[in-house]
């Protein structure tokens, strides 16, 4: 392929772009699916807000918004 001239250069150029395309596909697919899921969640929350329904607090934030456990120990408050 070293002496192929213009034909070899076109072949190498085709290989380069095909590899770049294949390497970018996993990122493009994951980003598309993530964007779609984000859009679906926003649409559902907007529909709940318009219907007057309460929007549930995600589980990862539930500990911040819940009342303390009934262990007899009260949390310290700052003034």
C-alpha atoms as a PDB file:
ATOM      1  CA  UNK A   1       0.000   0.000   0.000  1.00  0.00           C
ATOM      2  CA  UNK A   2       2.989   2.281   0.260  1.00  0.00           C
ATOM      3  CA  UNK A   3       3.231   2.653  -3.521  1.00  0.00           C
ATOM      4  CA  UNK A   4      -0.520   2.781  -4.179  1.00  0.00           C
ATOM      5  CA  UNK A   5      -0.601   6.545  -4.500  1.00  0.00           C
ATOM      6  CA  UNK A   6      -3.979   8.238  -4.522  1.00  0.00           C
ATOM      7  CA  UNK A   7      -5.983   5.008  -4.262  1.00  0.00           C
ATOM      8  CA  UNK A   8      -4.098   3.949  -1.129  1.00  0.00           C
ATOM      9  CA  UNK A   9      -4.600   7.376   0.421  1.00  0.00           C
ATOM     10  CA  UNK A  10      -8.345   7.163  -0.194  1.00  0.00           C
ATOM     11  CA  UNK A  11      -8.403   3.674   1.350  1.00  0.00           C
ATOM     12  CA  UNK A  12      -6.559   4.879   4.455  1.00  0.00           C
ATOM     13  CA  UNK A  13      -8.845   7.880   4.720  1.00  0.00           C
ATOM     14  CA  UNK A  14     -11.875   5.562   4.573  1.00  0.00           C
ATOM     15  CA  UNK A  15     -10.431   3.329   7.289  1.00  0.00           C
ATOM     16  CA  UNK A  16      -9.721   6.358   9.486  1.00  0.00           C
ATOM     17  CA  UNK A  17     -13.252   7.726   9.286  1.00  0.00           C
ATOM     18  CA  UNK A  18     -14.863   4.313   9.764  1.00  0.00           C
ATOM     19  CA  UNK A  19     -12.843   3.768  12.952  1.00  0.00           C
ATOM     20  CA  UNK A  20     -13.694   7.245  14.243  1.00  0.00           C
ATOM     21  CA  UNK A  21     -17.383   6.603  13.520  1.00  0.00           C
ATOM     22  CA  UNK A  22     -17.378   3.209  15.276  1.00  0.00           C
ATOM     23  CA  UNK A  23     -15.566   4.599  18.327  1.00  0.00           C
ATOM     24  CA  UNK A  24     -18.050   7.458  18.692  1.00  0.00           C
ATOM     25  CA  UNK A  25     -21.195   5.300  18.477  1.00  0.00           C
ATOM     26  CA  UNK A  26     -21.266   3.994  22.088  1.00  0.00           C
ATOM     27  CA  UNK A  27     -21.031   7.553  23.417  1.00  0.00           C
ATOM     28  CA  UNK A  28     -23.693   8.794  21.016  1.00  0.00           C
ATOM     29  CA  UNK A  29     -26.072   5.944  21.920  1.00  0.00           C
ATOM     30  CA  UNK A  30     -25.639   6.378  25.685  1.00  0.00           C
ATOM     31  CA  UNK A  31     -26.050  10.155  25.409  1.00  0.00           C
ATOM     32  CA  UNK A  32     -29.200   9.743  23.300  1.00  0.00           C
ATOM     33  CA  UNK A  33     -30.778   7.258  25.706  1.00  0.00           C
ATOM     34  CA  UNK A  34     -29.861   9.401  28.717  1.00  0.00           C
ATOM     35  CA  UNK A  35     -31.319  12.505  27.090  1.00  0.00           C
ATOM     36  CA  UNK A  36     -34.510  10.647  26.225  1.00  0.00           C
ATOM     37  CA  UNK A  37     -34.926   9.385  29.796  1.00  0.00           C
ATOM     38  CA  UNK A  38     -34.283  12.880  31.181  1.00  0.00           C
ATOM     39  CA  UNK A  39     -36.919  14.296  28.821  1.00  0.00           C
ATOM     40  CA  UNK A  40     -39.477  11.635  29.849  1.00  0.00           C
ATOM     41  CA  UNK A  41     -38.945  12.354  33.567  1.00  0.00           C
ATOM     42  CA  UNK A  42     -39.287  16.115  33.047  1.00  0.00           C
ATOM     43  CA  UNK A  43     -42.465  15.600  31.038  1.00  0.00           C
ATOM     44  CA  UNK A  44     -43.953  13.351  33.752  1.00  0.00           C
ATOM     45  CA  UNK A  45     -43.068  15.806  36.531  1.00  0.00           C
ATOM     46  CA  UNK A  46     -44.570  18.692  34.561  1.00  0.00           C
ATOM     47  CA  UNK A  47     -47.786  16.686  34.063  1.00  0.00           C
ATOM     48  CA  UNK A  48     -47.938  15.900  37.797  1.00  0.00           C
ATOM     49  CA  UNK A  49     -47.451  19.562  38.695  1.00  0.00           C
ATOM     50  CA  UNK A  50     -50.190  20.640  36.287  1.00  0.00           C
ATOM     51  CA  UNK A  51     -52.603  18.076  37.758  1.00  0.00           C
ATOM     52  CA  UNK A  52     -51.885  19.258  41.289  1.00  0.00           C
ATOM     53  CA  UNK A  53     -50.278  15.993  42.318  1.00  0.00           C
ATOM     54  CA  UNK A  54     -47.318  16.036  44.653  1.00  0.00           C
ATOM     55  CA  UNK A  55     -43.984  15.293  43.079  1.00  0.00           C
ATOM     56  CA  UNK A  56     -42.252  12.436  44.938  1.00  0.00           C
ATOM     57  CA  UNK A  57     -38.872  13.091  46.507  1.00  0.00           C
ATOM     58  CA  UNK A  58     -36.140  10.871  45.017  1.00  0.00           C
ATOM     59  CA  UNK A  59     -34.836   8.180  47.358  1.00  0.00           C
ATOM     60  CA  UNK A  60     -31.350   9.674  47.346  1.00  0.00           C
ATOM     61  CA  UNK A  61     -32.757  12.887  48.872  1.00  0.00           C
ATOM     62  CA  UNK A  62     -35.295  11.245  51.178  1.00  0.00           C
ATOM     63  CA  UNK A  63     -32.900  11.151  54.137  1.00  0.00           C
ATOM     64  CA  UNK A  64     -32.438  14.913  53.953  1.00  0.00           C
ATOM     65  CA  UNK A  65     -36.186  15.569  53.994  1.00  0.00           C
ATOM     66  CA  UNK A  66     -37.409  12.908  56.418  1.00  0.00           C
ATOM     67  CA  UNK A  67     -38.025  13.146  60.115  1.00  0.00           C
ATOM     68  CA  UNK A  68     -35.398  11.702  62.467  1.00  0.00           C
ATOM     69  CA  UNK A  69     -35.724   8.121  63.675  1.00  0.00           C
ATOM     70  CA  UNK A  70     -37.483   7.515  67.004  1.00  0.00           C
ATOM     71  CA  UNK A  71     -34.360   6.489  68.906  1.00  0.00           C
ATOM     72  CA  UNK A  72     -34.855   9.004  71.681  1.00  0.00           C
ATOM     73  CA  UNK A  73     -31.994  11.122  70.404  1.00  0.00           C
ATOM     74  CA  UNK A  74     -32.933  14.487  69.001  1.00  0.00           C
ATOM     75  CA  UNK A  75     -30.773  16.111  66.365  1.00  0.00           C
ATOM     76  CA  UNK A  76     -28.762  19.134  67.394  1.00  0.00           C
ATOM     77  CA  UNK A  77     -30.081  22.426  66.065  1.00  0.00           C
ATOM     78  CA  UNK A  78     -28.077  25.528  65.378  1.00  0.00           C
ATOM     79  CA  UNK A  79     -29.406  28.984  65.837  1.00  0.00           C
END
